Amino acid sequence: TSWQYPEKENLQMLVRSKELYPVTILRTVDRDVKGRLLRANIVMTSDLFKYDFSELNRRVKLPEKVLKSIVDEARRIHKVR
């Protein structure tokens, strides 16, 4: 199995159908923030939804404005309101 092989059930289709997006795809995330997220065991964009905002902020220790933009981008990717 590779990114586009086989034609059905390839990695690309599996990632999209299961919404398994790593936080590294977020455009609002720089290298420092990626490290903070990973140290807080937030690896997938869906991990951002496991915690309420105050708990998430406590774990990653980012300015609220920065964290809000990260969560907003993840919501757009997952089409979550």
C-alpha atoms as a PDB file:
ATOM      1  CA  THR A   1       0.000   0.000   0.000  1.00  0.00           C
ATOM      2  CA  SER A   2       1.254   3.440  -0.879  1.00  0.00           C
ATOM      3  CA  TRP A   3      -0.131   6.972  -1.170  1.00  0.00           C
ATOM      4  CA  GLN A   4      -2.060   6.292  -4.386  1.00  0.00           C
ATOM      5  CA  TYR A   5      -1.771   2.520  -4.792  1.00  0.00           C
ATOM      6  CA  PRO A   6      -3.808   0.407  -4.997  1.00  0.00           C
ATOM      7  CA  GLU A   7      -6.458   2.406  -6.771  1.00  0.00           C
ATOM      8  CA  LYS A   8      -8.939   1.754  -3.965  1.00  0.00           C
ATOM      9  CA  GLU A   9      -8.063   1.705  -0.267  1.00  0.00           C
ATOM     10  CA  ASN A  10      -4.723   3.451  -0.742  1.00  0.00           C
ATOM     11  CA  LEU A  11      -3.202   5.549   2.038  1.00  0.00           C
ATOM     12  CA  GLN A  12      -4.592   8.805   0.689  1.00  0.00           C
ATOM     13  CA  MET A  13      -8.156   7.451   0.700  1.00  0.00           C
ATOM     14  CA  LEU A  14      -7.734   5.941   4.167  1.00  0.00           C
ATOM     15  CA  VAL A  15      -6.414   9.204   5.631  1.00  0.00           C
ATOM     16  CA  ARG A  16      -9.297  11.181   4.152  1.00  0.00           C
ATOM     17  CA  SER A  17     -12.049   8.709   4.999  1.00  0.00           C
ATOM     18  CA  LYS A  18     -10.868   8.317   8.606  1.00  0.00           C
ATOM     19  CA  GLU A  19      -9.839  11.991   8.919  1.00  0.00           C
ATOM     20  CA  LEU A  20      -6.399  11.013  10.217  1.00  0.00           C
ATOM     21  CA  TYR A  21      -4.619  14.309   9.692  1.00  0.00           C
ATOM     22  CA  PRO A  22      -1.358  14.968  11.545  1.00  0.00           C
ATOM     23  CA  VAL A  23      -0.956  18.376  13.209  1.00  0.00           C
ATOM     24  CA  THR A  24       1.956  18.988  10.867  1.00  0.00           C
ATOM     25  CA  ILE A  25      -0.513  19.794   8.058  1.00  0.00           C
ATOM     26  CA  LEU A  26      -1.778  22.859   9.912  1.00  0.00           C
ATOM     27  CA  ARG A  27      -0.523  26.030   8.231  1.00  0.00           C
ATOM     28  CA  THR A  28      -0.879  28.075  11.413  1.00  0.00           C
ATOM     29  CA  VAL A  29       1.635  25.823  13.177  1.00  0.00           C
ATOM     30  CA  ASP A  30       5.333  26.675  13.121  1.00  0.00           C
ATOM     31  CA  ARG A  31       8.163  24.400  14.240  1.00  0.00           C
ATOM     32  CA  ASP A  32       8.063  25.523  17.887  1.00  0.00           C
ATOM     33  CA  VAL A  33       4.297  25.003  18.126  1.00  0.00           C
ATOM     34  CA  LYS A  34       4.561  21.581  16.473  1.00  0.00           C
ATOM     35  CA  GLY A  35       7.051  20.582  19.157  1.00  0.00           C
ATOM     36  CA  ARG A  36       4.749  21.829  21.928  1.00  0.00           C
ATOM     37  CA  LEU A  37       1.795  19.948  20.487  1.00  0.00           C
ATOM     38  CA  LEU A  38       3.789  16.738  20.112  1.00  0.00           C
ATOM     39  CA  ARG A  39       5.179  16.991  23.664  1.00  0.00           C
ATOM     40  CA  ALA A  40       1.574  17.326  24.857  1.00  0.00           C
ATOM     41  CA  ASN A  41       0.720  14.100  22.951  1.00  0.00           C
ATOM     42  CA  ILE A  42      -1.321  15.993  20.405  1.00  0.00           C
ATOM     43  CA  VAL A  43      -0.294  14.302  17.183  1.00  0.00           C
ATOM     44  CA  MET A  44      -3.460  14.239  15.094  1.00  0.00           C
ATOM     45  CA  THR A  45      -5.654  17.252  14.414  1.00  0.00           C
ATOM     46  CA  SER A  46      -8.545  15.357  16.014  1.00  0.00           C
ATOM     47  CA  ASP A  47      -6.541  15.277  19.273  1.00  0.00           C
ATOM     48  CA  LEU A  48      -7.227  19.015  19.565  1.00  0.00           C
ATOM     49  CA  PHE A  49     -10.894  18.189  20.184  1.00  0.00           C
ATOM     50  CA  LYS A  50     -10.257  15.798  23.092  1.00  0.00           C
ATOM     51  CA  TYR A  51      -9.877  18.628  25.595  1.00  0.00           C
ATOM     52  CA  ASP A  52     -11.811  21.762  26.397  1.00  0.00           C
ATOM     53  CA  PHE A  53      -9.989  24.948  25.482  1.00  0.00           C
ATOM     54  CA  SER A  54      -8.628  25.706  28.975  1.00  0.00           C
ATOM     55  CA  GLU A  55      -7.218  22.175  29.376  1.00  0.00           C
ATOM     56  CA  LEU A  56      -5.702  22.316  25.899  1.00  0.00           C
ATOM     57  CA  ASN A  57      -4.147  25.684  26.717  1.00  0.00           C
ATOM     58  CA  ARG A  58      -2.728  24.319  29.967  1.00  0.00           C
ATOM     59  CA  ARG A  59      -1.156  21.382  28.120  1.00  0.00           C
ATOM     60  CA  VAL A  60       0.481  23.290  25.248  1.00  0.00           C
ATOM     61  CA  LYS A  61       1.137  26.626  26.982  1.00  0.00           C
ATOM     62  CA  LEU A  62       0.471  28.898  24.017  1.00  0.00           C
ATOM     63  CA  PRO A  63      -1.066  32.358  23.857  1.00  0.00           C
ATOM     64  CA  GLU A  64      -4.842  32.001  23.601  1.00  0.00           C
ATOM     65  CA  LYS A  65      -4.957  33.812  20.263  1.00  0.00           C
ATOM     66  CA  VAL A  66      -2.440  31.384  18.719  1.00  0.00           C
ATOM     67  CA  LEU A  67      -4.180  28.333  20.129  1.00  0.00           C
ATOM     68  CA  LYS A  68      -7.558  29.587  18.956  1.00  0.00           C
ATOM     69  CA  SER A  69      -6.286  29.970  15.391  1.00  0.00           C
ATOM     70  CA  ILE A  70      -4.874  26.420  15.500  1.00  0.00           C
ATOM     71  CA  VAL A  71      -8.150  24.968  16.772  1.00  0.00           C
ATOM     72  CA  ASP A  72     -10.125  27.003  14.227  1.00  0.00           C
ATOM     73  CA  GLU A  73      -7.994  25.658  11.386  1.00  0.00           C
ATOM     74  CA  ALA A  74      -8.452  22.089  12.647  1.00  0.00           C
ATOM     75  CA  ARG A  75     -12.214  22.659  12.840  1.00  0.00           C
ATOM     76  CA  ARG A  76     -12.241  23.833   9.223  1.00  0.00           C
ATOM     77  CA  ILE A  77     -10.359  20.705   8.148  1.00  0.00           C
ATOM     78  CA  HIS A  78     -12.762  18.447  10.028  1.00  0.00           C
ATOM     79  CA  LYS A  79     -15.785  20.629   9.240  1.00  0.00           C
ATOM     80  CA  VAL A  80     -16.561  20.861  12.966  1.00  0.00           C
ATOM     81  CA  ARG A  81     -18.394  23.851  14.402  1.00  0.00           C
END
